[in-house]
PDB file of N, CA and C in Angstrom:
ATOM      1  N   MET A   1     118.601  27.324  88.426  1.00  0.00           N
ATOM      2  CA  MET A   1     117.360  27.525  88.562  1.00  0.00           C
ATOM      3  C   MET A   1     117.462  28.694  89.936  1.00  0.00           C
ATOM      4  N   LYS A   2     116.002  29.648  90.003  1.00  0.00           N
ATOM      5  CA  LYS A   2     116.548  30.641  91.234  1.00  0.00           C
ATOM      6  C   LYS A   2     114.909  30.754  91.465  1.00  0.00           C
ATOM      7  N   THR A   3     114.647  30.635  92.354  1.00  0.00           N
ATOM      8  CA  THR A   3     113.317  30.813  93.031  1.00  0.00           C
ATOM      9  C   THR A   3     112.959  31.875  93.694  1.00  0.00           C
ATOM     10  N   VAL A   4     111.717  32.386  94.331  1.00  0.00           N
ATOM     11  CA  VAL A   4     111.144  33.648  94.364  1.00  0.00           C
ATOM     12  C   VAL A   4     111.554  33.459  96.095  1.00  0.00           C
ATOM     13  N   ASP A   5     111.115  32.497  96.999  1.00  0.00           N
ATOM     14  CA  ASP A   5     111.456  32.120  98.097  1.00  0.00           C
ATOM     15  C   ASP A   5     112.261  30.904  98.407  1.00  0.00           C
ATOM     16  N   ASP A   6     113.251  30.553  99.264  1.00  0.00           N
ATOM     17  CA  ASP A   6     114.046  29.798  99.553  1.00  0.00           C
ATOM     18  C   ASP A   6     113.889  28.200  99.044  1.00  0.00           C
ATOM     19  N   MET A   7     114.150  26.976  98.585  1.00  0.00           N
ATOM     20  CA  MET A   7     113.655  25.834  97.847  1.00  0.00           C
ATOM     21  C   MET A   7     113.413  25.055  99.433  1.00  0.00           C
ATOM     22  N   THR A   8     111.968  24.380  99.140  1.00  0.00           N
ATOM     23  CA  THR A   8     111.600  23.489 100.356  1.00  0.00           C
ATOM     24  C   THR A   8     112.303  22.242 100.397  1.00  0.00           C
ATOM     25  N   SER A   9     111.641  21.353 101.226  1.00  0.00           N
ATOM     26  CA  SER A   9     113.261  20.771 101.064  1.00  0.00           C
ATOM     27  C   SER A   9     112.496  19.333 100.263  1.00  0.00           C
ATOM     28  N   ARG A  10     113.863  19.090  99.824  1.00  0.00           N
ATOM     29  CA  ARG A  10     114.181  17.600  99.027  1.00  0.00           C
ATOM     30  C   ARG A  10     113.154  16.434  99.164  1.00  0.00           C
ATOM     31  N   LYS A  11     112.442  16.447  99.741  1.00  0.00           N
ATOM     32  CA  LYS A  11     111.797  15.485 100.515  1.00  0.00           C
ATOM     33  C   LYS A  11     110.496  15.183 100.750  1.00  0.00           C
ATOM     34  N   ASP A  12     109.993  16.442 100.393  1.00  0.00           N
ATOM     35  CA  ASP A  12     108.270  17.091 100.048  1.00  0.00           C
ATOM     36  C   ASP A  12     108.104  16.122  98.548  1.00  0.00           C
ATOM     37  N   ARG A  13     107.259  15.841  98.661  1.00  0.00           N
ATOM     38  CA  ARG A  13     106.615  15.282  97.229  1.00  0.00           C
ATOM     39  C   ARG A  13     106.414  15.696  95.985  1.00  0.00           C
ATOM     40  N   ASP A  14     106.787  15.622  94.893  1.00  0.00           N
ATOM     41  CA  ASP A  14     106.910  15.836  93.742  1.00  0.00           C
ATOM     42  C   ASP A  14     107.582  17.005  93.514  1.00  0.00           C
ATOM     43  N   TRP A  15     108.918  17.593  94.187  1.00  0.00           N
ATOM     44  CA  TRP A  15     109.537  18.136  94.918  1.00  0.00           C
ATOM     45  C   TRP A  15     110.507  18.657  93.165  1.00  0.00           C
ATOM     46  N   MET A  16     110.138  19.956  92.802  1.00  0.00           N
ATOM     47  CA  MET A  16     110.659  20.680  92.322  1.00  0.00           C
ATOM     48  C   MET A  16     111.613  19.770  90.911  1.00  0.00           C
ATOM     49  N   ARG A  17     110.429  19.041  90.172  1.00  0.00           N
ATOM     50  CA  ARG A  17     110.931  18.905  88.590  1.00  0.00           C
ATOM     51  C   ARG A  17     111.415  19.047  87.607  1.00  0.00           C
ATOM     52  N   LEU A  18     111.930  18.918  86.748  1.00  0.00           N
ATOM     53  CA  LEU A  18     112.523  19.604  85.746  1.00  0.00           C
ATOM     54  C   LEU A  18     112.864  18.819  84.464  1.00  0.00           C
ATOM     55  N   PHE A  19     111.559  18.725  83.839  1.00  0.00           N
ATOM     56  CA  PHE A  19     111.662  17.661  82.832  1.00  0.00           C
ATOM     57  C   PHE A  19     111.938  18.475  81.448  1.00  0.00           C
ATOM     58  N   ILE A  20     112.363  17.613  80.287  1.00  0.00           N
ATOM     59  CA  ILE A  20     113.043  18.180  79.127  1.00  0.00           C
ATOM     60  C   ILE A  20     112.841  17.608  78.013  1.00  0.00           C
ATOM     61  N   ARG A  21     112.770  18.156  76.854  1.00  0.00           N
ATOM     62  CA  ARG A  21     112.539  17.624  75.554  1.00  0.00           C
ATOM     63  C   ARG A  21     113.730  17.656  74.449  1.00  0.00           C
ATOM     64  N   VAL A  22     114.411  16.283  74.110  1.00  0.00           N
ATOM     65  CA  VAL A  22     115.095  16.874  73.154  1.00  0.00           C
ATOM     66  C   VAL A  22     115.054  16.501  71.504  1.00  0.00           C
ATOM     67  N   ASN A  23     113.765  15.685  71.579  1.00  0.00           N
ATOM     68  CA  ASN A  23     113.820  15.415  69.989  1.00  0.00           C
ATOM     69  C   ASN A  23     112.347  14.759  69.954  1.00  0.00           C
ATOM     70  N   ASP A  24     111.909  14.356  68.695  1.00  0.00           N
ATOM     71  CA  ASP A  24     110.485  14.142  68.762  1.00  0.00           C
ATOM     72  C   ASP A  24     110.195  12.651  68.045  1.00  0.00           C
ATOM     73  N   GLY A  25     111.003  11.948  67.995  1.00  0.00           N
ATOM     74  CA  GLY A  25     110.998   9.994  67.880  1.00  0.00           C
ATOM     75  C   GLY A  25     110.684   9.631  69.080  1.00  0.00           C
ATOM     76  N   ASP A  26     111.705  10.019  70.248  1.00  0.00           N
ATOM     77  CA  ASP A  26     111.498   9.015  71.066  1.00  0.00           C
ATOM     78  C   ASP A  26     110.023   9.148  72.247  1.00  0.00           C
ATOM     79  N   ALA A  27     110.054   7.994  72.966  1.00  0.00           N
ATOM     80  CA  ALA A  27     109.141   7.480  73.597  1.00  0.00           C
ATOM     81  C   ALA A  27     108.818   9.124  74.573  1.00  0.00           C
ATOM     82  N   SER A  28     107.680   9.799  74.820  1.00  0.00           N
ATOM     83  CA  SER A  28     107.779  10.318  75.886  1.00  0.00           C
ATOM     84  C   SER A  28     106.453  10.659  76.658  1.00  0.00           C
ATOM     85  N   TRP A  29     106.439  11.525  77.744  1.00  0.00           N
ATOM     86  CA  TRP A  29     105.396  11.974  78.622  1.00  0.00           C
ATOM     87  C   TRP A  29     105.628  13.780  77.896  1.00  0.00           C
ATOM     88  N   GLU A  30     103.573  13.628  77.552  1.00  0.00           N
ATOM     89  CA  GLU A  30     103.247  14.935  77.254  1.00  0.00           C
ATOM     90  C   GLU A  30     104.742  15.660  76.439  1.00  0.00           C
ATOM     91  N   GLY A  31     105.427  15.173  76.091  1.00  0.00           N
ATOM     92  CA  GLY A  31     106.418  15.674  74.673  1.00  0.00           C
ATOM     93  C   GLY A  31     108.217  15.842  75.390  1.00  0.00           C
ATOM     94  N   PHE A  32     107.686  15.463  76.530  1.00  0.00           N
ATOM     95  CA  PHE A  32     109.255  14.753  77.128  1.00  0.00           C
ATOM     96  C   PHE A  32     109.696  14.060  77.719  1.00  0.00           C
ATOM     97  N   HIS A  33     110.973  14.067  77.168  1.00  0.00           N
ATOM     98  CA  HIS A  33     111.670  12.558  76.826  1.00  0.00           C
ATOM     99  C   HIS A  33     112.428  12.370  78.298  1.00  0.00           C
ATOM    100  N   TYR A  34     112.509  13.367  78.831  1.00  0.00           N
ATOM    101  CA  TYR A  34     113.519  13.381  80.280  1.00  0.00           C
ATOM    102  C   TYR A  34     113.281  13.619  81.597  1.00  0.00           C
ATOM    103  N   ALA A  35     113.178  13.441  82.623  1.00  0.00           N
ATOM    104  CA  ALA A  35     112.893  14.175  84.007  1.00  0.00           C
ATOM    105  C   ALA A  35     113.962  14.453  85.021  1.00  0.00           C
ATOM    106  N   VAL A  36     114.002  15.241  85.709  1.00  0.00           N
ATOM    107  CA  VAL A  36     115.114  15.855  86.737  1.00  0.00           C
ATOM    108  C   VAL A  36     114.387  15.474  88.303  1.00  0.00           C
ATOM    109  N   ASN A  37     114.922  14.997  89.284  1.00  0.00           N
ATOM    110  CA  ASN A  37     114.424  15.077  90.452  1.00  0.00           C
ATOM    111  C   ASN A  37     113.120  13.773  90.920  1.00  0.00           C
ATOM    112  N   GLY A  38     113.142  12.827  90.325  1.00  0.00           N
ATOM    113  CA  GLY A  38     111.623  12.066  90.051  1.00  0.00           C
ATOM    114  C   GLY A  38     112.403  11.101  91.509  1.00  0.00           C
ATOM    115  N   THR A  39     113.231  10.810  91.790  1.00  0.00           N
ATOM    116  CA  THR A  39     114.341  10.312  92.369  1.00  0.00           C
ATOM    117  C   THR A  39     115.102  10.768  93.532  1.00  0.00           C
ATOM    118  N   VAL A  40     114.938  11.473  94.529  1.00  0.00           N
ATOM    119  CA  VAL A  40     116.279  12.653  94.856  1.00  0.00           C
ATOM    120  C   VAL A  40     117.065  11.724  96.247  1.00  0.00           C
ATOM    121  N   ALA A  41     118.565  11.100  95.473  1.00  0.00           N
ATOM    122  CA  ALA A  41     119.288  10.248  96.764  1.00  0.00           C
ATOM    123  C   ALA A  41     119.502  10.679  98.211  1.00  0.00           C
ATOM    124  N   ASP A  42     119.947  12.002  97.720  1.00  0.00           N
ATOM    125  CA  ASP A  42     119.989  12.830  98.591  1.00  0.00           C
ATOM    126  C   ASP A  42     120.232  14.351  98.822  1.00  0.00           C
ATOM    127  N   GLU A  43     120.947  14.989  99.132  1.00  0.00           N
ATOM    128  CA  GLU A  43     121.555  16.365  99.618  1.00  0.00           C
ATOM    129  C   GLU A  43     122.418  16.852  98.175  1.00  0.00           C
ATOM    130  N   LYS A  44     123.176  15.622  97.796  1.00  0.00           N
ATOM    131  CA  LYS A  44     124.194  15.976  96.215  1.00  0.00           C
ATOM    132  C   LYS A  44     123.800  15.284  95.477  1.00  0.00           C
ATOM    133  N   GLU A  45     122.636  14.552  95.535  1.00  0.00           N
ATOM    134  CA  GLU A  45     122.527  13.773  94.271  1.00  0.00           C
ATOM    135  C   GLU A  45     121.278  13.455  93.808  1.00  0.00           C
ATOM    136  N   THR A  46     120.770  13.185  92.830  1.00  0.00           N
ATOM    137  CA  THR A  46     119.430  13.344  92.223  1.00  0.00           C
ATOM    138  C   THR A  46     119.079  12.574  90.906  1.00  0.00           C
ATOM    139  N   SER A  47     118.239  12.156  90.771  1.00  0.00           N
ATOM    140  CA  SER A  47     118.067  11.260  89.107  1.00  0.00           C
ATOM    141  C   SER A  47     117.744  11.988  88.142  1.00  0.00           C
ATOM    142  N   LEU A  48     118.657  11.593  87.172  1.00  0.00           N
ATOM    143  CA  LEU A  48     118.191  11.597  85.720  1.00  0.00           C
ATOM    144  C   LEU A  48     117.560  10.383  85.265  1.00  0.00           C
ATOM    145  N   GLU A  49     116.008  10.496  84.938  1.00  0.00           N
ATOM    146  CA  GLU A  49     114.628   9.328  84.610  1.00  0.00           C
ATOM    147  C   GLU A  49     114.301   9.517  82.887  1.00  0.00           C
ATOM    148  N   LYS A  50     114.520   8.737  82.531  1.00  0.00           N
ATOM    149  CA  LYS A  50     113.662   8.892  80.721  1.00  0.00           C
ATOM    150  C   LYS A  50     112.298   7.776  80.442  1.00  0.00           C
ATOM    151  N   SER A  51     111.597   8.662  80.204  1.00  0.00           N
ATOM    152  CA  SER A  51     110.555   8.023  79.710  1.00  0.00           C
ATOM    153  C   SER A  51     110.371   6.768  79.114  1.00  0.00           C
ATOM    154  N   GLU A  52     109.509   6.332  79.314  1.00  0.00           N
ATOM    155  CA  GLU A  52     109.351   4.897  78.842  1.00  0.00           C
ATOM    156  C   GLU A  52     107.784   4.951  78.079  1.00  0.00           C
ATOM    157  N   GLY A  53     107.729   5.656  77.898  1.00  0.00           N
ATOM    158  CA  GLY A  53     106.109   6.256  77.495  1.00  0.00           C
ATOM    159  C   GLY A  53     105.024   6.601  78.462  1.00  0.00           C
ATOM    160  N   GLY A  54     104.578   7.896  78.329  1.00  0.00           N
ATOM    161  CA  GLY A  54     103.351   8.602  79.263  1.00  0.00           C
ATOM    162  C   GLY A  54     104.535   8.478  80.324  1.00  0.00           C
ATOM    163  N   TRP A  55     103.660   8.312  81.255  1.00  0.00           N
ATOM    164  CA  TRP A  55     104.485   8.169  83.441  1.00  0.00           C
ATOM    165  C   TRP A  55     104.822   7.364  83.453  1.00  0.00           C
ATOM    166  N   LYS A  56     105.541   6.921  82.911  1.00  0.00           N
ATOM    167  CA  LYS A  56     106.560   5.175  82.895  1.00  0.00           C
ATOM    168  C   LYS A  56     108.196   5.990  83.032  1.00  0.00           C
ATOM    169  N   TRP A  57     108.975   5.930  83.942  1.00  0.00           N
ATOM    170  CA  TRP A  57     109.843   6.779  84.010  1.00  0.00           C
ATOM    171  C   TRP A  57     111.395   5.451  84.744  1.00  0.00           C
ATOM    172  N   LYS A  58     112.810   5.754  83.994  1.00  0.00           N
ATOM    173  CA  LYS A  58     113.326   4.717  83.689  1.00  0.00           C
ATOM    174  C   LYS A  58     114.911   5.480  84.148  1.00  0.00           C
ATOM    175  N   LYS A  59     115.220   5.582  85.872  1.00  0.00           N
ATOM    176  CA  LYS A  59     116.360   5.891  85.830  1.00  0.00           C
ATOM    177  C   LYS A  59     117.331   5.774  85.240  1.00  0.00           C
ATOM    178  N   THR A  60     117.788   6.621  84.289  1.00  0.00           N
ATOM    179  CA  THR A  60     119.593   6.048  83.647  1.00  0.00           C
ATOM    180  C   THR A  60     120.353   6.780  84.071  1.00  0.00           C
ATOM    181  N   ALA A  61     120.475   7.445  85.264  1.00  0.00           N
ATOM    182  CA  ALA A  61     121.897   8.193  85.621  1.00  0.00           C
ATOM    183  C   ALA A  61     121.731   8.923  86.813  1.00  0.00           C
ATOM    184  N   GLY A  62     122.844   8.779  87.887  1.00  0.00           N
ATOM    185  CA  GLY A  62     122.494   9.842  88.831  1.00  0.00           C
ATOM    186  C   GLY A  62     123.261  11.084  88.694  1.00  0.00           C
ATOM    187  N   ILE A  63     122.637  12.029  89.130  1.00  0.00           N
ATOM    188  CA  ILE A  63     123.322  13.581  88.344  1.00  0.00           C
ATOM    189  C   ILE A  63     123.471  14.230  89.823  1.00  0.00           C
ATOM    190  N   ALA A  64     124.485  15.038  89.988  1.00  0.00           N
ATOM    191  CA  ALA A  64     125.085  16.136  90.871  1.00  0.00           C
ATOM    192  C   ALA A  64     123.809  17.215  90.961  1.00  0.00           C
ATOM    193  N   TYR A  65     123.744  17.996  91.836  1.00  0.00           N
ATOM    194  CA  TYR A  65     123.255  18.870  92.094  1.00  0.00           C
ATOM    195  C   TYR A  65     123.252  19.593  93.761  1.00  0.00           C
ATOM    196  N   GLN A  66     123.333  21.057  93.539  1.00  0.00           N
ATOM    197  CA  GLN A  66     123.279  21.391  94.708  1.00  0.00           C
ATOM    198  C   GLN A  66     121.843  22.329  94.845  1.00  0.00           C
ATOM    199  N   VAL A  67     121.368  23.140  96.156  1.00  0.00           N
ATOM    200  CA  VAL A  67     120.604  24.028  96.727  1.00  0.00           C
ATOM    201  C   VAL A  67     121.270  24.622  97.235  1.00  0.00           C
ATOM    202  N   SER A  68     121.201  26.129  97.409  1.00  0.00           N
ATOM    203  CA  SER A  68     121.754  27.419  98.357  1.00  0.00           C
ATOM    204  C   SER A  68     120.847  28.297  98.333  1.00  0.00           C
ATOM    205  N   GLY A  69     119.721  28.696  99.535  1.00  0.00           N
ATOM    206  CA  GLY A  69     118.717  29.572  99.736  1.00  0.00           C
ATOM    207  C   GLY A  69     117.686  29.179  98.718  1.00  0.00           C
ATOM    208  N   LYS A  70     117.933  29.783  97.465  1.00  0.00           N
ATOM    209  CA  LYS A  70     116.840  30.149  96.366  1.00  0.00           C
ATOM    210  C   LYS A  70     117.206  29.888  95.475  1.00  0.00           C
ATOM    211  N   GLU A  71     118.418  29.236  95.363  1.00  0.00           N
ATOM    212  CA  GLU A  71     118.973  28.954  93.929  1.00  0.00           C
ATOM    213  C   GLU A  71     119.416  26.925  93.449  1.00  0.00           C
ATOM    214  N   MET A  72     119.109  26.583  92.690  1.00  0.00           N
ATOM    215  CA  MET A  72     119.280  24.635  92.413  1.00  0.00           C
ATOM    216  C   MET A  72     120.426  25.118  91.185  1.00  0.00           C
ATOM    217  N   GLU A  73     121.509  24.455  91.430  1.00  0.00           N
ATOM    218  CA  GLU A  73     122.508  24.347  90.176  1.00  0.00           C
ATOM    219  C   GLU A  73     122.159  22.358  89.927  1.00  0.00           C
ATOM    220  N   LEU A  74     122.037  21.874  88.784  1.00  0.00           N
ATOM    221  CA  LEU A  74     122.537  20.589  88.416  1.00  0.00           C
ATOM    222  C   LEU A  74     123.499  20.130  87.253  1.00  0.00           C
ATOM    223  N   SER A  75     124.112  19.195  87.086  1.00  0.00           N
ATOM    224  CA  SER A  75     125.491  19.148  86.509  1.00  0.00           C
ATOM    225  C   SER A  75     124.548  17.828  85.485  1.00  0.00           C
ATOM    226  N   ILE A  76     124.012  18.263  84.723  1.00  0.00           N
ATOM    227  CA  ILE A  76     123.593  16.962  83.597  1.00  0.00           C
ATOM    228  C   ILE A  76     124.643  17.161  82.049  1.00  0.00           C
ATOM    229  N   PRO A  77     125.046  15.733  81.948  1.00  0.00           N
ATOM    230  CA  PRO A  77     125.857  15.559  80.995  1.00  0.00           C
ATOM    231  C   PRO A  77     125.099  15.362  79.745  1.00  0.00           C
ATOM    232  N   LEU A  78     125.175  16.064  78.605  1.00  0.00           N
ATOM    233  CA  LEU A  78     124.686  16.562  77.359  1.00  0.00           C
ATOM    234  C   LEU A  78     124.483  14.710  76.964  1.00  0.00           C
ATOM    235  N   SER A  79     125.722  13.882  77.217  1.00  0.00           N
ATOM    236  CA  SER A  79     125.110  12.731  76.762  1.00  0.00           C
ATOM    237  C   SER A  79     124.217  11.593  77.460  1.00  0.00           C
ATOM    238  N   GLY A  80     123.771  12.377  78.660  1.00  0.00           N
ATOM    239  CA  GLY A  80     123.055  11.528  79.221  1.00  0.00           C
ATOM    240  C   GLY A  80     121.354  11.766  78.667  1.00  0.00           C
ATOM    241  N   LEU A  81     121.394  13.517  77.891  1.00  0.00           N
ATOM    242  CA  LEU A  81     120.124  13.371  77.310  1.00  0.00           C
ATOM    243  C   LEU A  81     120.421  13.430  75.634  1.00  0.00           C
ATOM    244  N   GLY A  82     121.096  12.520  75.336  1.00  0.00           N
ATOM    245  CA  GLY A  82     121.359  11.410  74.211  1.00  0.00           C
ATOM    246  C   GLY A  82     121.920  12.533  72.977  1.00  0.00           C
ATOM    247  N   ILE A  83     122.481  13.600  73.667  1.00  0.00           N
ATOM    248  CA  ILE A  83     122.881  14.864  72.781  1.00  0.00           C
ATOM    249  C   ILE A  83     124.237  14.291  72.065  1.00  0.00           C
ATOM    250  N   THR A  84     124.473  14.019  70.847  1.00  0.00           N
ATOM    251  CA  THR A  84     125.524  13.703  70.194  1.00  0.00           C
ATOM    252  C   THR A  84     126.517  14.438  69.644  1.00  0.00           C
ATOM    253  N   THR A  85     125.627  15.719  69.060  1.00  0.00           N
ATOM    254  CA  THR A  85     126.121  16.821  68.601  1.00  0.00           C
ATOM    255  C   THR A  85     126.184  18.036  69.222  1.00  0.00           C
ATOM    256  N   PRO A  86     127.398  18.643  70.299  1.00  0.00           N
ATOM    257  CA  PRO A  86     127.346  19.082  71.346  1.00  0.00           C
ATOM    258  C   PRO A  86     127.227  20.888  70.598  1.00  0.00           C
ATOM    259  N   ASP A  87     127.943  20.554  69.750  1.00  0.00           N
ATOM    260  CA  ASP A  87     128.148  21.707  68.971  1.00  0.00           C
ATOM    261  C   ASP A  87     126.817  22.581  68.465  1.00  0.00           C
ATOM    262  N   SER A  88     125.871  21.861  68.587  1.00  0.00           N
ATOM    263  CA  SER A  88     124.709  22.412  67.970  1.00  0.00           C
ATOM    264  C   SER A  88     123.473  21.497  67.945  1.00  0.00           C
ATOM    265  N   PHE A  89     123.022  21.956  69.401  1.00  0.00           N
ATOM    266  CA  PHE A  89     121.493  21.342  69.814  1.00  0.00           C
ATOM    267  C   PHE A  89     120.298  22.398  70.524  1.00  0.00           C
ATOM    268  N   ALA A  90     119.474  21.695  70.325  1.00  0.00           N
ATOM    269  CA  ALA A  90     118.013  22.658  71.266  1.00  0.00           C
ATOM    270  C   ALA A  90     117.573  21.444  72.045  1.00  0.00           C
ATOM    271  N   VAL A  91     116.712  22.083  73.047  1.00  0.00           N
ATOM    272  CA  VAL A  91     116.271  21.230  74.126  1.00  0.00           C
ATOM    273  C   VAL A  91     115.278  22.503  74.814  1.00  0.00           C
ATOM    274  N   GLU A  92     114.090  21.844  74.776  1.00  0.00           N
ATOM    275  CA  GLU A  92     113.104  22.192  76.027  1.00  0.00           C
ATOM    276  C   GLU A  92     112.613  21.708  76.957  1.00  0.00           C
ATOM    277  N   PHE A  93     112.221  22.671  77.867  1.00  0.00           N
ATOM    278  CA  PHE A  93     112.159  22.574  79.275  1.00  0.00           C
ATOM    279  C   PHE A  93     111.350  23.351  80.376  1.00  0.00           C
ATOM    280  N   LYS A  94     110.539  22.505  81.193  1.00  0.00           N
ATOM    281  CA  LYS A  94     109.701  23.224  82.138  1.00  0.00           C
ATOM    282  C   LYS A  94     109.902  22.688  83.564  1.00  0.00           C
ATOM    283  N   TRP A  95     110.078  23.352  84.491  1.00  0.00           N
ATOM    284  CA  TRP A  95     110.021  23.102  85.946  1.00  0.00           C
ATOM    285  C   TRP A  95     108.601  22.824  86.210  1.00  0.00           C
ATOM    286  N   ILE A  96     108.757  22.123  87.373  1.00  0.00           N
ATOM    287  CA  ILE A  96     107.439  21.894  87.663  1.00  0.00           C
ATOM    288  C   ILE A  96     107.407  21.337  89.438  1.00  0.00           C
ATOM    289  N   ASP A  97     107.020  21.662  89.938  1.00  0.00           N
ATOM    290  CA  ASP A  97     106.799  21.647  92.153  1.00  0.00           C
ATOM    291  C   ASP A  97     105.494  21.799  92.278  1.00  0.00           C
ATOM    292  N   ASN A  98     105.773  20.843  92.938  1.00  0.00           N
ATOM    293  CA  ASN A  98     104.309  19.965  93.672  1.00  0.00           C
ATOM    294  C   ASN A  98     103.287  20.271  92.895  1.00  0.00           C
ATOM    295  N   ALA A  99     103.987  19.261  91.340  1.00  0.00           N
ATOM    296  CA  ALA A  99     102.254  18.926  90.875  1.00  0.00           C
ATOM    297  C   ALA A  99     102.447  18.143  89.524  1.00  0.00           C
ATOM    298  N   ALA A 100     101.922  17.786  88.599  1.00  0.00           N
ATOM    299  CA  ALA A 100     102.290  16.917  87.705  1.00  0.00           C
ATOM    300  C   ALA A 100     102.170  15.081  88.567  1.00  0.00           C
ATOM    301  N   SER A 101     101.797  15.208  89.816  1.00  0.00           N
ATOM    302  CA  SER A 101     101.859  13.811  90.300  1.00  0.00           C
ATOM    303  C   SER A 101     100.929  12.655  89.309  1.00  0.00           C
ATOM    304  N   GLY A 102     101.061  11.379  89.495  1.00  0.00           N
ATOM    305  CA  GLY A 102     101.056  10.657  88.606  1.00  0.00           C
ATOM    306  C   GLY A 102     100.936  10.682  87.033  1.00  0.00           C
ATOM    307  N   GLY A 103     101.294  11.771  86.476  1.00  0.00           N
ATOM    308  CA  GLY A 103     101.327  12.055  85.010  1.00  0.00           C
ATOM    309  C   GLY A 103      99.899  12.857  84.925  1.00  0.00           C
ATOM    310  N   ASP A 104      99.811  13.458  85.378  1.00  0.00           N
ATOM    311  CA  ASP A 104      98.641  14.685  84.876  1.00  0.00           C
ATOM    312  C   ASP A 104      98.812  15.811  84.755  1.00  0.00           C
ATOM    313  N   ILE A 105      99.128  16.139  83.097  1.00  0.00           N
ATOM    314  CA  ILE A 105      99.917  17.445  83.267  1.00  0.00           C
ATOM    315  C   ILE A 105      98.633  18.841  83.638  1.00  0.00           C
ATOM    316  N   GLN A 106      97.528  18.663  83.757  1.00  0.00           N
ATOM    317  CA  GLN A 106      96.379  19.493  84.251  1.00  0.00           C
ATOM    318  C   GLN A 106      96.793  20.176  85.372  1.00  0.00           C
ATOM    319  N   THR A 107      97.141  18.849  86.453  1.00  0.00           N
ATOM    320  CA  THR A 107      97.626  19.278  87.762  1.00  0.00           C
ATOM    321  C   THR A 107      98.540  21.006  87.802  1.00  0.00           C
ATOM    322  N   CYS A 108      99.223  21.302  86.460  1.00  0.00           N
ATOM    323  CA  CYS A 108     100.315  22.159  86.504  1.00  0.00           C
ATOM    324  C   CYS A 108      99.419  23.147  86.421  1.00  0.00           C
ATOM    325  N   MET A 109      98.314  23.371  86.096  1.00  0.00           N
ATOM    326  CA  MET A 109      97.504  24.670  85.899  1.00  0.00           C
ATOM    327  C   MET A 109      96.619  24.990  87.017  1.00  0.00           C
ATOM    328  N   ARG A 110      96.533  23.974  87.986  1.00  0.00           N
ATOM    329  CA  ARG A 110      95.840  23.820  89.559  1.00  0.00           C
ATOM    330  C   ARG A 110      96.320  23.925  90.764  1.00  0.00           C
ATOM    331  N   ASP A 111      97.539  23.635  90.758  1.00  0.00           N
ATOM    332  CA  ASP A 111      98.271  22.878  91.991  1.00  0.00           C
ATOM    333  C   ASP A 111      99.808  23.138  91.410  1.00  0.00           C
ATOM    334  N   GLY A 112     100.324  23.293  92.775  1.00  0.00           N
ATOM    335  CA  GLY A 112     101.817  24.172  92.787  1.00  0.00           C
ATOM    336  C   GLY A 112     102.446  24.704  91.780  1.00  0.00           C
ATOM    337  N   ASP A 113     103.572  24.934  91.581  1.00  0.00           N
ATOM    338  CA  ASP A 113     103.871  25.658  90.780  1.00  0.00           C
ATOM    339  C   ASP A 113     104.668  25.524  89.248  1.00  0.00           C
ATOM    340  N   ALA A 114     104.653  25.929  88.413  1.00  0.00           N
ATOM    341  CA  ALA A 114     105.446  25.566  87.383  1.00  0.00           C
ATOM    342  C   ALA A 114     106.288  26.856  86.919  1.00  0.00           C
ATOM    343  N   ALA A 115     106.877  26.536  85.395  1.00  0.00           N
ATOM    344  CA  ALA A 115     107.942  28.144  84.954  1.00  0.00           C
ATOM    345  C   ALA A 115     108.651  27.358  83.760  1.00  0.00           C
ATOM    346  N   PRO A 116     107.872  27.669  82.295  1.00  0.00           N
ATOM    347  CA  PRO A 116     106.842  28.896  82.585  1.00  0.00           C
ATOM    348  C   PRO A 116     105.379  28.321  82.606  1.00  0.00           C
ATOM    349  N   ASN A 117     104.344  28.902  82.886  1.00  0.00           N
ATOM    350  CA  ASN A 117     103.355  28.708  83.794  1.00  0.00           C
ATOM    351  C   ASN A 117     102.692  27.727  82.368  1.00  0.00           C
ATOM    352  N   SER A 118     101.122  27.254  82.667  1.00  0.00           N
ATOM    353  CA  SER A 118     100.320  26.139  82.115  1.00  0.00           C
ATOM    354  C   SER A 118     100.954  25.313  81.444  1.00  0.00           C
ATOM    355  N   ARG A 119     101.018  25.188  79.941  1.00  0.00           N
ATOM    356  CA  ARG A 119     101.394  23.944  79.274  1.00  0.00           C
ATOM    357  C   ARG A 119     102.678  24.261  78.773  1.00  0.00           C
ATOM    358  N   PHE A 120     103.352  25.948  78.738  1.00  0.00           N
ATOM    359  CA  PHE A 120     104.159  26.609  78.058  1.00  0.00           C
ATOM    360  C   PHE A 120     105.840  25.268  78.426  1.00  0.00           C
ATOM    361  N   ARG A 121     106.670  25.739  77.515  1.00  0.00           N
ATOM    362  CA  ARG A 121     107.966  25.181  78.203  1.00  0.00           C
ATOM    363  C   ARG A 121     109.247  26.606  77.796  1.00  0.00           C
ATOM    364  N   TYR A 122     110.315  26.805  77.924  1.00  0.00           N
ATOM    365  CA  TYR A 122     110.745  27.005  77.508  1.00  0.00           C
ATOM    366  C   TYR A 122     111.938  26.530  76.123  1.00  0.00           C
ATOM    367  N   ARG A 123     112.457  27.089  75.365  1.00  0.00           N
ATOM    368  CA  ARG A 123     113.229  26.537  74.349  1.00  0.00           C
ATOM    369  C   ARG A 123     114.715  27.342  74.764  1.00  0.00           C
ATOM    370  N   TYR A 124     116.172  26.009  74.767  1.00  0.00           N
ATOM    371  CA  TYR A 124     117.489  26.739  74.498  1.00  0.00           C
ATOM    372  C   TYR A 124     118.499  26.177  73.501  1.00  0.00           C
ATOM    373  N   VAL A 125     118.420  27.200  72.569  1.00  0.00           N
ATOM    374  CA  VAL A 125     119.051  26.713  71.205  1.00  0.00           C
ATOM    375  C   VAL A 125     121.242  26.906  71.391  1.00  0.00           C
ATOM    376  N   TYR A 126     121.373  25.585  71.026  1.00  0.00           N
ATOM    377  CA  TYR A 126     122.469  26.412  71.120  1.00  0.00           C
ATOM    378  C   TYR A 126     123.575  25.954  69.780  1.00  0.00           C
ATOM    379  N   ARG A 127     124.405  27.134  69.479  1.00  0.00           N
ATOM    380  CA  ARG A 127     125.177  26.545  68.090  1.00  0.00           C
ATOM    381  C   ARG A 127     126.902  27.187  68.245  1.00  0.00           C
ATOM    382  N   LYS A 128     127.638  26.695  68.015  1.00  0.00           N
ATOM    383  CA  LYS A 128     128.806  26.913  68.326  1.00  0.00           C
ATOM    384  C   LYS A 128     129.229  27.498  66.951  1.00  0.00           C
ATOM    385  N   ASP A 129     129.548  28.763  67.110  1.00  0.00           N
ATOM    386  CA  ASP A 129     129.884  29.226  65.719  1.00  0.00           C
ATOM    387  C   ASP A 129     131.499  29.208  65.675  1.00  0.00           C
TER     388      ASP A 129
END
């Protein structure tokens, strides 16, 4: 992920959260099943959390990340997202920085930054040919 300006501190409230949707059936918050950066351990490890329904998250793994200037890289294993078919899968995702505190999705429209904006999300489809 790349931002316009240098990254803010990992200690900031609601810092650079990545929300991921992987399927239709599981419990979710606003359609997202997983969140990254809900709890940042240190400058090299952050959390992958799964929604237990609504704004209730349970840590499922620690994942590696690194930040350099305006860029952040994450290492999220597909198995950590419950993806069992690595040759063909789809995910939807949204970055939210300094918003969505306490689970109010409306904060994405008035506080912080979100990519994409408002209630939209990106979709990534992978199929090995």
